[in-house]
Each structure stands twice: as structure tokens, then as C-alpha cells.
Amino acid sequence: DPSRVLFAIMKDGKPIGELQLKRINYEDRECTLSIHMQNDGVKG
């Protein structure tokens, strides 16, 4: 939807997480970041 940009976090050509800029409000120029990593092997 237009109020969100969904990204894949890529390492070595493979997705290891997702990151979203959501609740994008162009009038107020604000959005919210959300991030989730795939598993413990890519955290830290």
C-alpha cells in the first residue's frame, strides 16, 4: 500500500531480514520504522 515501503535486508545476495517504513505521512513528513531479522544466526 502507498503508506508503506517494504525492504529486504540483503547480505551476500540473500534476504536476512525485513525492514519497513510504514505509516508514511507525506503531509506531516513522518513515518515509522519496523525491523525484523530472520533468525538468531544473523542477529548481533
PDB file of all heavy atoms in Angstrom:
ATOM      1  N   ASP A   1       0.851  -1.187   0.000  1.00  0.00           N
ATOM      2  CA  ASP A   1       0.000   0.000   0.000  1.00  0.00           C
ATOM      3  C   ASP A   1       0.892   1.245   0.000  1.00  0.00           C
ATOM      4  O   ASP A   1       2.067   1.165   0.349  1.00  0.00           O
ATOM      5  CB  ASP A   1      -0.981  -0.014   1.180  1.00  0.00           C
ATOM      6  CG  ASP A   1      -0.335   0.209   2.516  1.00  0.00           C
ATOM      7  OD1 ASP A   1       0.098   1.353   2.780  1.00  0.00           O
ATOM      8  OD2 ASP A   1      -0.255  -0.747   3.304  1.00  0.00           O
ATOM      9  N   PRO A   2       0.348   2.393  -0.401  1.00  0.00           N
ATOM     10  CA  PRO A   2       1.181   3.592  -0.572  1.00  0.00           C
ATOM     11  C   PRO A   2       1.722   4.182   0.739  1.00  0.00           C
ATOM     12  O   PRO A   2       2.610   5.023   0.702  1.00  0.00           O
ATOM     13  CB  PRO A   2       0.269   4.603  -1.256  1.00  0.00           C
ATOM     14  CG  PRO A   2      -1.070   3.984  -1.369  1.00  0.00           C
ATOM     15  CD  PRO A   2      -1.011   2.581  -0.863  1.00  0.00           C
ATOM     16  N   SER A   3       1.237   3.734   1.880  1.00  0.00           N
ATOM     17  CA  SER A   3       1.718   4.275   3.152  1.00  0.00           C
ATOM     18  C   SER A   3       2.852   3.431   3.727  1.00  0.00           C
ATOM     19  O   SER A   3       3.199   3.571   4.895  1.00  0.00           O
ATOM     20  CB  SER A   3       0.575   4.349   4.160  1.00  0.00           C
ATOM     21  OG  SER A   3       0.190   3.043   4.555  1.00  0.00           O
ATOM     22  N   ARG A   4       3.455   2.577   2.896  1.00  0.00           N
ATOM     23  CA  ARG A   4       4.459   1.646   3.395  1.00  0.00           C
ATOM     24  C   ARG A   4       5.469   1.318   2.288  1.00  0.00           C
ATOM     25  O   ARG A   4       5.119   1.191   1.133  1.00  0.00           O
ATOM     26  CB  ARG A   4       3.732   0.373   3.832  1.00  0.00           C
ATOM     27  CG  ARG A   4       4.563  -0.775   4.263  1.00  0.00           C
ATOM     28  CD  ARG A   4       3.709  -2.020   4.517  1.00  0.00           C
ATOM     29  NE  ARG A   4       2.513  -1.793   5.276  1.00  0.00           N
ATOM     30  CZ  ARG A   4       2.379  -1.990   6.586  1.00  0.00           C
ATOM     31  NH1 ARG A   4       3.396  -2.425   7.290  1.00  0.00           N
ATOM     32  NH2 ARG A   4       1.240  -1.772   7.193  1.00  0.00           N
ATOM     33  N   VAL A   5       6.742   1.182   2.697  1.00  0.00           N
ATOM     34  CA  VAL A   5       7.780   0.648   1.814  1.00  0.00           C
ATOM     35  C   VAL A   5       8.369  -0.551   2.552  1.00  0.00           C
ATOM     36  O   VAL A   5       8.825  -0.422   3.691  1.00  0.00           O
ATOM     37  CB  VAL A   5       8.881   1.685   1.507  1.00  0.00           C
ATOM     38  CG1 VAL A   5       9.929   1.079   0.585  1.00  0.00           C
ATOM     39  CG2 VAL A   5       8.299   2.946   0.895  1.00  0.00           C
ATOM     40  N   LEU A   6       8.340  -1.707   1.905  1.00  0.00           N
ATOM     41  CA  LEU A   6       8.840  -2.940   2.494  1.00  0.00           C
ATOM     42  C   LEU A   6      10.162  -3.305   1.819  1.00  0.00           C
ATOM     43  O   LEU A   6      10.216  -3.446   0.596  1.00  0.00           O
ATOM     44  CB  LEU A   6       7.814  -4.060   2.304  1.00  0.00           C
ATOM     45  CG  LEU A   6       8.150  -5.452   2.833  1.00  0.00           C
ATOM     46  CD1 LEU A   6       8.350  -5.434   4.339  1.00  0.00           C
ATOM     47  CD2 LEU A   6       7.034  -6.430   2.462  1.00  0.00           C
ATOM     48  N   PHE A   7      11.214  -3.422   2.639  1.00  0.00           N
ATOM     49  CA  PHE A   7      12.543  -3.760   2.132  1.00  0.00           C
ATOM     50  C   PHE A   7      12.963  -5.147   2.599  1.00  0.00           C
ATOM     51  O   PHE A   7      12.609  -5.577   3.695  1.00  0.00           O
ATOM     52  CB  PHE A   7      13.597  -2.787   2.700  1.00  0.00           C
ATOM     53  CG  PHE A   7      13.462  -1.376   2.261  1.00  0.00           C
ATOM     54  CD1 PHE A   7      12.888  -0.435   3.105  1.00  0.00           C
ATOM     55  CD2 PHE A   7      13.936  -0.962   1.030  1.00  0.00           C
ATOM     56  CE1 PHE A   7      12.778   0.889   2.726  1.00  0.00           C
ATOM     57  CE2 PHE A   7      13.834   0.353   0.630  1.00  0.00           C
ATOM     58  CZ  PHE A   7      13.250   1.294   1.484  1.00  0.00           C
ATOM     59  N   ALA A   8      13.770  -5.795   1.783  1.00  0.00           N
ATOM     60  CA  ALA A   8      14.515  -6.980   2.207  1.00  0.00           C
ATOM     61  C   ALA A   8      15.890  -6.483   2.629  1.00  0.00           C
ATOM     62  O   ALA A   8      16.509  -5.660   1.942  1.00  0.00           O
ATOM     63  CB  ALA A   8      14.641  -7.979   1.067  1.00  0.00           C
ATOM     64  N   ILE A   9      16.373  -6.958   3.769  1.00  0.00           N
ATOM     65  CA  ILE A   9      17.745  -6.682   4.198  1.00  0.00           C
ATOM     66  C   ILE A   9      18.594  -7.793   3.582  1.00  0.00           C
ATOM     67  O   ILE A   9      18.388  -8.969   3.872  1.00  0.00           O
ATOM     68  CB  ILE A   9      17.869  -6.683   5.731  1.00  0.00           C
ATOM     69  CG1 ILE A   9      16.930  -5.646   6.347  1.00  0.00           C
ATOM     70  CG2 ILE A   9      19.328  -6.439   6.145  1.00  0.00           C
ATOM     71  CD1 ILE A   9      16.775  -5.774   7.856  1.00  0.00           C
ATOM     72  N   MET A  10      19.524  -7.411   2.716  1.00  0.00           N
ATOM     73  CA  MET A  10      20.276  -8.376   1.928  1.00  0.00           C
ATOM     74  C   MET A  10      21.731  -8.467   2.386  1.00  0.00           C
ATOM     75  O   MET A  10      22.368  -7.454   2.656  1.00  0.00           O
ATOM     76  CB  MET A  10      20.241  -7.977   0.450  1.00  0.00           C
ATOM     77  CG  MET A  10      18.850  -7.812  -0.144  1.00  0.00           C
ATOM     78  SD  MET A  10      17.910  -9.346  -0.233  1.00  0.00           S
ATOM     79  CE  MET A  10      18.839 -10.213  -1.503  1.00  0.00           C
ATOM     80  N   LYS A  11      22.216  -9.700   2.453  1.00  0.00           N
ATOM     81  CA  LYS A  11      23.625  -9.976   2.741  1.00  0.00           C
ATOM     82  C   LYS A  11      24.039 -11.123   1.821  1.00  0.00           C
ATOM     83  O   LYS A  11      23.377 -12.155   1.781  1.00  0.00           O
ATOM     84  CB  LYS A  11      23.807 -10.382   4.203  1.00  0.00           C
ATOM     85  CG  LYS A  11      25.226 -10.750   4.571  1.00  0.00           C
ATOM     86  CD  LYS A  11      25.289 -11.208   6.029  1.00  0.00           C
ATOM     87  CE  LYS A  11      26.525 -11.966   6.333  1.00  0.00           C
ATOM     88  NZ  LYS A  11      26.570 -13.310   5.785  1.00  0.00           N
ATOM     89  N   ASP A  12      25.096 -10.919   1.083  1.00  0.00           N
ATOM     90  CA  ASP A  12      25.591 -11.943   0.150  1.00  0.00           C
ATOM     91  C   ASP A  12      24.491 -12.428  -0.797  1.00  0.00           C
ATOM     92  O   ASP A  12      24.384 -13.621  -1.090  1.00  0.00           O
ATOM     93  CB  ASP A  12      26.189 -13.131   0.909  1.00  0.00           C
ATOM     94  CG  ASP A  12      27.375 -12.733   1.775  1.00  0.00           C
ATOM     95  OD1 ASP A  12      28.087 -11.767   1.412  1.00  0.00           O
ATOM     96  OD2 ASP A  12      27.588 -13.388   2.807  1.00  0.00           O
ATOM     97  N   GLY A  13      23.647 -11.510  -1.249  1.00  0.00           N
ATOM     98  CA  GLY A  13      22.606 -11.839  -2.215  1.00  0.00           C
ATOM     99  C   GLY A  13      21.408 -12.578  -1.655  1.00  0.00           C
ATOM    100  O   GLY A  13      20.558 -13.029  -2.417  1.00  0.00           O
ATOM    101  N   LYS A  14      21.323 -12.690  -0.331  1.00  0.00           N
ATOM    102  CA  LYS A  14      20.211 -13.411   0.293  1.00  0.00           C
ATOM    103  C   LYS A  14      19.519 -12.521   1.321  1.00  0.00           C
ATOM    104  O   LYS A  14      20.173 -11.757   2.034  1.00  0.00           O
ATOM    105  CB  LYS A  14      20.708 -14.671   0.986  1.00  0.00           C
ATOM    106  CG  LYS A  14      21.343 -15.677   0.042  1.00  0.00           C
ATOM    107  CD  LYS A  14      21.580 -16.993   0.751  1.00  0.00           C
ATOM    108  CE  LYS A  14      22.230 -18.021  -0.133  1.00  0.00           C
ATOM    109  NZ  LYS A  14      21.772 -18.147  -1.462  1.00  0.00           N
ATOM    110  N   PRO A  15      18.196 -12.648   1.440  1.00  0.00           N
ATOM    111  CA  PRO A  15      17.493 -11.850   2.452  1.00  0.00           C
ATOM    112  C   PRO A  15      17.745 -12.419   3.849  1.00  0.00           C
ATOM    113  O   PRO A  15      17.637 -13.624   4.069  1.00  0.00           O
ATOM    114  CB  PRO A  15      16.020 -11.987   2.054  1.00  0.00           C
ATOM    115  CG  PRO A  15      15.937 -13.295   1.338  1.00  0.00           C
ATOM    116  CD  PRO A  15      17.267 -13.476   0.652  1.00  0.00           C
ATOM    117  N   ILE A  16      18.100 -11.521   4.776  1.00  0.00           N
ATOM    118  CA  ILE A  16      18.344 -11.942   6.158  1.00  0.00           C
ATOM    119  C   ILE A  16      17.409 -11.225   7.134  1.00  0.00           C
ATOM    120  O   ILE A  16      17.496 -11.426   8.343  1.00  0.00           O
ATOM    121  CB  ILE A  16      19.808 -11.719   6.574  1.00  0.00           C
ATOM    122  CG1 ILE A  16      20.176 -10.238   6.518  1.00  0.00           C
ATOM    123  CG2 ILE A  16      20.744 -12.577   5.732  1.00  0.00           C
ATOM    124  CD1 ILE A  16      21.477  -9.892   7.229  1.00  0.00           C
ATOM    125  N   GLY A  17      16.540 -10.397   6.605  1.00  0.00           N
ATOM    126  CA  GLY A  17      15.596  -9.671   7.443  1.00  0.00           C
ATOM    127  C   GLY A  17      14.707  -8.803   6.591  1.00  0.00           C
ATOM    128  O   GLY A  17      14.860  -8.738   5.368  1.00  0.00           O
ATOM    129  N   GLU A  18      13.763  -8.172   7.270  1.00  0.00           N
ATOM    130  CA  GLU A  18      12.907  -7.223   6.569  1.00  0.00           C
ATOM    131  C   GLU A  18      12.864  -5.932   7.367  1.00  0.00           C
ATOM    132  O   GLU A  18      12.990  -5.930   8.592  1.00  0.00           O
ATOM    133  CB  GLU A  18      11.498  -7.770   6.367  1.00  0.00           C
ATOM    134  CG  GLU A  18      10.680  -7.892   7.620  1.00  0.00           C
ATOM    135  CD  GLU A  18       9.229  -8.261   7.351  1.00  0.00           C
ATOM    136  OE1 GLU A  18       8.956  -8.989   6.389  1.00  0.00           O
ATOM    137  OE2 GLU A  18       8.387  -7.809   8.128  1.00  0.00           O
ATOM    138  N   LEU A  19      12.716  -4.845   6.652  1.00  0.00           N
ATOM    139  CA  LEU A  19      12.603  -3.539   7.263  1.00  0.00           C
ATOM    140  C   LEU A  19      11.483  -2.806   6.565  1.00  0.00           C
ATOM    141  O   LEU A  19      11.388  -2.853   5.338  1.00  0.00           O
ATOM    142  CB  LEU A  19      13.921  -2.776   7.128  1.00  0.00           C
ATOM    143  CG  LEU A  19      14.000  -1.460   7.888  1.00  0.00           C
ATOM    144  CD1 LEU A  19      15.403  -1.228   8.409  1.00  0.00           C
ATOM    145  CD2 LEU A  19      13.533  -0.302   7.050  1.00  0.00           C
ATOM    146  N   GLN A  20      10.630  -2.181   7.345  1.00  0.00           N
ATOM    147  CA  GLN A  20       9.523  -1.429   6.777  1.00  0.00           C
ATOM    148  C   GLN A  20       9.587   0.015   7.229  1.00  0.00           C
ATOM    149  O   GLN A  20       9.907   0.297   8.382  1.00  0.00           O
ATOM    150  CB  GLN A  20       8.177  -1.991   7.242  1.00  0.00           C
ATOM    151  CG  GLN A  20       7.920  -3.403   6.806  1.00  0.00           C
ATOM    152  CD  GLN A  20       6.577  -3.893   7.292  1.00  0.00           C
ATOM    153  OE1 GLN A  20       5.548  -3.278   7.004  1.00  0.00           O
ATOM    154  NE2 GLN A  20       6.576  -4.987   8.030  1.00  0.00           N
ATOM    155  N   LEU A  21       9.289   0.906   6.315  1.00  0.00           N
ATOM    156  CA  LEU A  21       8.941   2.271   6.657  1.00  0.00           C
ATOM    157  C   LEU A  21       7.435   2.305   6.437  1.00  0.00           C
ATOM    158  O   LEU A  21       6.967   2.111   5.311  1.00  0.00           O
ATOM    159  CB  LEU A  21       9.676   3.271   5.774  1.00  0.00           C
ATOM    160  CG  LEU A  21      11.193   3.284   5.974  1.00  0.00           C
ATOM    161  CD1 LEU A  21      11.865   4.179   4.943  1.00  0.00           C
ATOM    162  CD2 LEU A  21      11.564   3.708   7.386  1.00  0.00           C
ATOM    163  N   LYS A  22       6.691   2.458   7.519  1.00  0.00           N
ATOM    164  CA  LYS A  22       5.243   2.345   7.441  1.00  0.00           C
ATOM    165  C   LYS A  22       4.581   3.574   8.048  1.00  0.00           C
ATOM    166  O   LYS A  22       5.258   4.425   8.613  1.00  0.00           O
ATOM    167  CB  LYS A  22       4.768   1.068   8.135  1.00  0.00           C
ATOM    168  CG  LYS A  22       5.173   0.980   9.595  1.00  0.00           C
ATOM    169  CD  LYS A  22       4.828  -0.371  10.171  1.00  0.00           C
ATOM    170  CE  LYS A  22       5.191  -0.414  11.647  1.00  0.00           C
ATOM    171  NZ  LYS A  22       4.903  -1.706  12.242  1.00  0.00           N
ATOM    172  N   ARG A  23       3.273   3.641   7.891  1.00  0.00           N
ATOM    173  CA  ARG A  23       2.515   4.818   8.340  1.00  0.00           C
ATOM    174  C   ARG A  23       3.161   6.086   7.785  1.00  0.00           C
ATOM    175  O   ARG A  23       3.309   7.090   8.495  1.00  0.00           O
ATOM    176  CB  ARG A  23       2.389   4.855   9.861  1.00  0.00           C
ATOM    177  CG  ARG A  23       1.594   3.694  10.415  1.00  0.00           C
ATOM    178  CD  ARG A  23       1.236   3.853  11.879  1.00  0.00           C
ATOM    179  NE  ARG A  23       2.317   3.535  12.785  1.00  0.00           N
ATOM    180  CZ  ARG A  23       2.516   2.351  13.337  1.00  0.00           C
ATOM    181  NH1 ARG A  23       1.712   1.356  13.080  1.00  0.00           N
ATOM    182  NH2 ARG A  23       3.514   2.145  14.162  1.00  0.00           N
ATOM    183  N   ILE A  24       3.559   6.019   6.511  1.00  0.00           N
ATOM    184  CA  ILE A  24       4.195   7.165   5.866  1.00  0.00           C
ATOM    185  C   ILE A  24       3.147   8.259   5.688  1.00  0.00           C
ATOM    186  O   ILE A  24       2.117   8.051   5.054  1.00  0.00           O
ATOM    187  CB  ILE A  24       4.808   6.772   4.509  1.00  0.00           C
ATOM    188  CG1 ILE A  24       5.887   5.706   4.705  1.00  0.00           C
ATOM    189  CG2 ILE A  24       5.361   7.998   3.796  1.00  0.00           C
ATOM    190  CD1 ILE A  24       6.384   5.077   3.414  1.00  0.00           C
ATOM    191  N   ASN A  25       3.433   9.419   6.277  1.00  0.00           N
ATOM    192  CA  ASN A  25       2.541  10.563   6.198  1.00  0.00           C
ATOM    193  C   ASN A  25       3.323  11.696   5.535  1.00  0.00           C
ATOM    194  O   ASN A  25       4.154  12.340   6.184  1.00  0.00           O
ATOM    195  CB  ASN A  25       2.064  10.957   7.604  1.00  0.00           C
ATOM    196  CG  ASN A  25       1.093  12.106   7.594  1.00  0.00           C
ATOM    197  OD1 ASN A  25       1.205  13.038   6.792  1.00  0.00           O
ATOM    198  ND2 ASN A  25       0.127  12.058   8.491  1.00  0.00           N
ATOM    199  N   TYR A  26       3.072  11.908   4.243  1.00  0.00           N
ATOM    200  CA  TYR A  26       3.829  12.901   3.492  1.00  0.00           C
ATOM    201  C   TYR A  26       3.496  14.323   3.935  1.00  0.00           C
ATOM    202  O   TYR A  26       4.356  15.204   3.887  1.00  0.00           O
ATOM    203  CB  TYR A  26       3.603  12.733   1.993  1.00  0.00           C
ATOM    204  CG  TYR A  26       4.239  11.474   1.455  1.00  0.00           C
ATOM    205  CD1 TYR A  26       3.488  10.330   1.213  1.00  0.00           C
ATOM    206  CD2 TYR A  26       5.611  11.419   1.208  1.00  0.00           C
ATOM    207  CE1 TYR A  26       4.076   9.174   0.742  1.00  0.00           C
ATOM    208  CE2 TYR A  26       6.213  10.255   0.731  1.00  0.00           C
ATOM    209  CZ  TYR A  26       5.433   9.149   0.499  1.00  0.00           C
ATOM    210  OH  TYR A  26       6.026   8.005   0.035  1.00  0.00           O
ATOM    211  N   GLU A  27       2.277  14.539   4.386  1.00  0.00           N
ATOM    212  CA  GLU A  27       1.882  15.879   4.833  1.00  0.00           C
ATOM    213  C   GLU A  27       2.630  16.274   6.105  1.00  0.00           C
ATOM    214  O   GLU A  27       3.183  17.364   6.201  1.00  0.00           O
ATOM    215  CB  GLU A  27       0.371  15.921   5.073  1.00  0.00           C
ATOM    216  CG  GLU A  27      -0.160  17.300   5.369  1.00  0.00           C
ATOM    217  CD  GLU A  27      -1.670  17.299   5.465  1.00  0.00           C
ATOM    218  OE1 GLU A  27      -2.326  16.772   4.544  1.00  0.00           O
ATOM    219  OE2 GLU A  27      -2.180  17.823   6.480  1.00  0.00           O
ATOM    220  N   ASP A  28       2.662  15.376   7.091  1.00  0.00           N
ATOM    221  CA  ASP A  28       3.369  15.655   8.347  1.00  0.00           C
ATOM    222  C   ASP A  28       4.853  15.312   8.279  1.00  0.00           C
ATOM    223  O   ASP A  28       5.600  15.604   9.213  1.00  0.00           O
ATOM    224  CB  ASP A  28       2.736  14.874   9.505  1.00  0.00           C
ATOM    225  CG  ASP A  28       1.327  15.344   9.822  1.00  0.00           C
ATOM    226  OD1 ASP A  28       0.975  16.490   9.446  1.00  0.00           O
ATOM    227  OD2 ASP A  28       0.579  14.565  10.434  1.00  0.00           O
ATOM    228  N   ARG A  29       5.262  14.629   7.178  1.00  0.00           N
ATOM    229  CA  ARG A  29       6.644  14.219   6.952  1.00  0.00           C
ATOM    230  C   ARG A  29       7.158  13.316   8.060  1.00  0.00           C
ATOM    231  O   ARG A  29       8.250  13.485   8.571  1.00  0.00           O
ATOM    232  CB  ARG A  29       7.548  15.446   6.753  1.00  0.00           C
ATOM    233  CG  ARG A  29       7.138  16.283   5.542  1.00  0.00           C
ATOM    234  CD  ARG A  29       8.005  17.495   5.320  1.00  0.00           C
ATOM    235  NE  ARG A  29       9.405  17.101   5.160  1.00  0.00           N
ATOM    236  CZ  ARG A  29      10.420  17.834   5.627  1.00  0.00           C
ATOM    237  NH1 ARG A  29      10.222  18.938   6.272  1.00  0.00           N
ATOM    238  NH2 ARG A  29      11.655  17.408   5.438  1.00  0.00           N
ATOM    239  N   GLU A  30       6.327  12.324   8.425  1.00  0.00           N
ATOM    240  CA  GLU A  30       6.685  11.337   9.452  1.00  0.00           C
ATOM    241  C   GLU A  30       6.372   9.936   8.967  1.00  0.00           C
ATOM    242  O   GLU A  30       5.436   9.740   8.193  1.00  0.00           O
ATOM    243  CB  GLU A  30       5.891  11.571  10.749  1.00  0.00           C
ATOM    244  CG  GLU A  30       6.364  12.743  11.548  1.00  0.00           C
ATOM    245  CD  GLU A  30       5.809  12.743  12.963  1.00  0.00           C
ATOM    246  OE1 GLU A  30       5.632  11.657  13.548  1.00  0.00           O
ATOM    247  OE2 GLU A  30       5.578  13.842  13.483  1.00  0.00           O
ATOM    248  N   CYS A  31       7.143   8.978   9.462  1.00  0.00           N
ATOM    249  CA  CYS A  31       6.862   7.567   9.213  1.00  0.00           C
ATOM    250  C   CYS A  31       7.380   6.771  10.402  1.00  0.00           C
ATOM    251  O   CYS A  31       7.977   7.332  11.321  1.00  0.00           O
ATOM    252  CB  CYS A  31       7.487   7.090   7.903  1.00  0.00           C
ATOM    253  SG  CYS A  31       9.293   7.082   7.886  1.00  0.00           S
ATOM    254  N   THR A  32       7.143   5.466  10.380  1.00  0.00           N
ATOM    255  CA  THR A  32       7.569   4.581  11.461  1.00  0.00           C
ATOM    256  C   THR A  32       8.419   3.456  10.886  1.00  0.00           C
ATOM    257  O   THR A  32       8.048   2.847   9.885  1.00  0.00           O
ATOM    258  CB  THR A  32       6.338   3.993  12.190  1.00  0.00           C
ATOM    259  OG1 THR A  32       5.579   5.081  12.730  1.00  0.00           O
ATOM    260  CG2 THR A  32       6.751   3.057  13.303  1.00  0.00           C
ATOM    261  N   LEU A  33       9.543   3.199  11.537  1.00  0.00           N
ATOM    262  CA  LEU A  33      10.456   2.129  11.137  1.00  0.00           C
ATOM    263  C   LEU A  33      10.120   0.858  11.913  1.00  0.00           C
ATOM    264  O   LEU A  33       9.852   0.903  13.105  1.00  0.00           O
ATOM    265  CB  LEU A  33      11.894   2.558  11.436  1.00  0.00           C
ATOM    266  CG  LEU A  33      12.993   1.565  11.073  1.00  0.00           C
ATOM    267  CD1 LEU A  33      14.226   2.327  10.607  1.00  0.00           C
ATOM    268  CD2 LEU A  33      13.370   0.684  12.243  1.00  0.00           C
ATOM    269  N   SER A  34      10.156  -0.252  11.201  1.00  0.00           N
ATOM    270  CA  SER A  34       9.960  -1.571  11.804  1.00  0.00           C
ATOM    271  C   SER A  34      10.997  -2.502  11.188  1.00  0.00           C
ATOM    272  O   SER A  34      11.195  -2.492   9.975  1.00  0.00           O
ATOM    273  CB  SER A  34       8.541  -2.060  11.489  1.00  0.00           C
ATOM    274  OG  SER A  34       8.378  -3.395  11.853  1.00  0.00           O
ATOM    275  N   ILE A  35      11.655  -3.298  12.021  1.00  0.00           N
ATOM    276  CA  ILE A  35      12.696  -4.191  11.519  1.00  0.00           C
ATOM    277  C   ILE A  35      12.581  -5.544  12.213  1.00  0.00           C
ATOM    278  O   ILE A  35      12.272  -5.615  13.402  1.00  0.00           O
ATOM    279  CB  ILE A  35      14.107  -3.598  11.722  1.00  0.00           C
ATOM    280  CG1 ILE A  35      15.193  -4.499  11.107  1.00  0.00           C
ATOM    281  CG2 ILE A  35      14.369  -3.303  13.183  1.00  0.00           C
ATOM    282  CD1 ILE A  35      16.576  -3.866  11.070  1.00  0.00           C
ATOM    283  N   HIS A  36      12.799  -6.605  11.442  1.00  0.00           N
ATOM    284  CA  HIS A  36      12.803  -7.964  11.982  1.00  0.00           C
ATOM    285  C   HIS A  36      13.888  -8.751  11.250  1.00  0.00           C
ATOM    286  O   HIS A  36      13.901  -8.791  10.024  1.00  0.00           O
ATOM    287  CB  HIS A  36      11.451  -8.652  11.787  1.00  0.00           C
ATOM    288  CG  HIS A  36      10.335  -7.934  12.458  1.00  0.00           C
ATOM    289  ND1 HIS A  36      10.116  -7.983  13.810  1.00  0.00           N
ATOM    290  CD2 HIS A  36       9.382  -7.118  11.954  1.00  0.00           C
ATOM    291  CE1 HIS A  36       9.081  -7.241  14.109  1.00  0.00           C
ATOM    292  NE2 HIS A  36       8.618  -6.690  13.004  1.00  0.00           N
ATOM    293  N   MET A  37      14.757  -9.357  12.009  1.00  0.00           N
ATOM    294  CA  MET A  37      15.813 -10.181  11.427  1.00  0.00           C
ATOM    295  C   MET A  37      15.328 -11.630  11.365  1.00  0.00           C
ATOM    296  O   MET A  37      14.519 -12.068  12.182  1.00  0.00           O
ATOM    297  CB  MET A  37      17.094 -10.064  12.239  1.00  0.00           C
ATOM    298  CG  MET A  37      17.635  -8.633  12.354  1.00  0.00           C
ATOM    299  SD  MET A  37      17.913  -7.808  10.770  1.00  0.00           S
ATOM    300  CE  MET A  37      19.404  -8.626  10.233  1.00  0.00           C
ATOM    301  N   GLN A  38      15.839 -12.381  10.398  1.00  0.00           N
ATOM    302  CA  GLN A  38      15.351 -13.716  10.077  1.00  0.00           C
ATOM    303  C   GLN A  38      15.478 -14.722  11.214  1.00  0.00           C
ATOM    304  O   GLN A  38      14.559 -15.491  11.475  1.00  0.00           O
ATOM    305  CB  GLN A  38      16.099 -14.221   8.841  1.00  0.00           C
ATOM    306  CG  GLN A  38      15.612 -15.534   8.305  1.00  0.00           C
ATOM    307  CD  GLN A  38      16.397 -15.940   7.065  1.00  0.00           C
ATOM    308  OE1 GLN A  38      17.621 -15.812   7.027  1.00  0.00           O
ATOM    309  NE2 GLN A  38      15.685 -16.418   6.055  1.00  0.00           N
ATOM    310  N   ASN A  39      16.629 -14.732  11.874  1.00  0.00           N
ATOM    311  CA  ASN A  39      16.846 -15.723  12.933  1.00  0.00           C
ATOM    312  C   ASN A  39      18.062 -15.314  13.758  1.00  0.00           C
ATOM    313  O   ASN A  39      18.734 -14.335  13.432  1.00  0.00           O
ATOM    314  CB  ASN A  39      17.014 -17.129  12.338  1.00  0.00           C
ATOM    315  CG  ASN A  39      18.115 -17.199  11.308  1.00  0.00           C
ATOM    316  OD1 ASN A  39      19.240 -16.752  11.543  1.00  0.00           O
ATOM    317  ND2 ASN A  39      17.802 -17.755  10.142  1.00  0.00           N
ATOM    318  N   ASP A  40      18.350 -16.053  14.811  1.00  0.00           N
ATOM    319  CA  ASP A  40      19.466 -15.701  15.697  1.00  0.00           C
ATOM    320  C   ASP A  40      20.822 -15.732  14.993  1.00  0.00           C
ATOM    321  O   ASP A  40      21.756 -15.060  15.434  1.00  0.00           O
ATOM    322  CB  ASP A  40      19.495 -16.633  16.909  1.00  0.00           C
ATOM    323  CG  ASP A  40      18.408 -16.301  17.922  1.00  0.00           C
ATOM    324  OD1 ASP A  40      17.821 -15.202  17.839  1.00  0.00           O
ATOM    325  OD2 ASP A  40      18.131 -17.147  18.796  1.00  0.00           O
ATOM    326  N   GLY A  41      20.935 -16.471  13.916  1.00  0.00           N
ATOM    327  CA  GLY A  41      22.203 -16.554  13.192  1.00  0.00           C
ATOM    328  C   GLY A  41      22.625 -15.241  12.549  1.00  0.00           C
ATOM    329  O   GLY A  41      23.796 -15.055  12.242  1.00  0.00           O
ATOM    330  N   VAL A  42      21.683 -14.318  12.345  1.00  0.00           N
ATOM    331  CA  VAL A  42      22.013 -13.034  11.722  1.00  0.00           C
ATOM    332  C   VAL A  42      21.869 -11.867  12.700  1.00  0.00           C
ATOM    333  O   VAL A  42      22.019 -10.713  12.314  1.00  0.00           O
ATOM    334  CB  VAL A  42      21.180 -12.788  10.439  1.00  0.00           C
ATOM    335  CG1 VAL A  42      21.509 -13.832   9.386  1.00  0.00           C
ATOM    336  CG2 VAL A  42      19.698 -12.761  10.735  1.00  0.00           C
ATOM    337  N   LYS A  43      21.609 -12.186  13.959  1.00  0.00           N
ATOM    338  CA  LYS A  43      21.490 -11.131  14.968  1.00  0.00           C
ATOM    339  C   LYS A  43      22.821 -10.971  15.684  1.00  0.00           C
ATOM    340  O   LYS A  43      23.605 -11.909  15.798  1.00  0.00           O
ATOM    341  CB  LYS A  43      20.392 -11.488  15.974  1.00  0.00           C
ATOM    342  CG  LYS A  43      19.014 -11.519  15.341  1.00  0.00           C
ATOM    343  CD  LYS A  43      17.959 -11.942  16.335  1.00  0.00           C
ATOM    344  CE  LYS A  43      16.621 -12.072  15.633  1.00  0.00           C
ATOM    345  NZ  LYS A  43      15.601 -12.605  16.528  1.00  0.00           N
ATOM    346  N   GLY A  44      23.063  -9.753  16.159  1.00  0.00           N
ATOM    347  CA  GLY A  44      24.268  -9.499  16.937  1.00  0.00           C
ATOM    348  C   GLY A  44      25.525  -9.291  16.113  1.00  0.00           C
ATOM    349  O   GLY A  44      26.626  -9.315  16.653  1.00  0.00           O
TER     350      GLY A  44
END
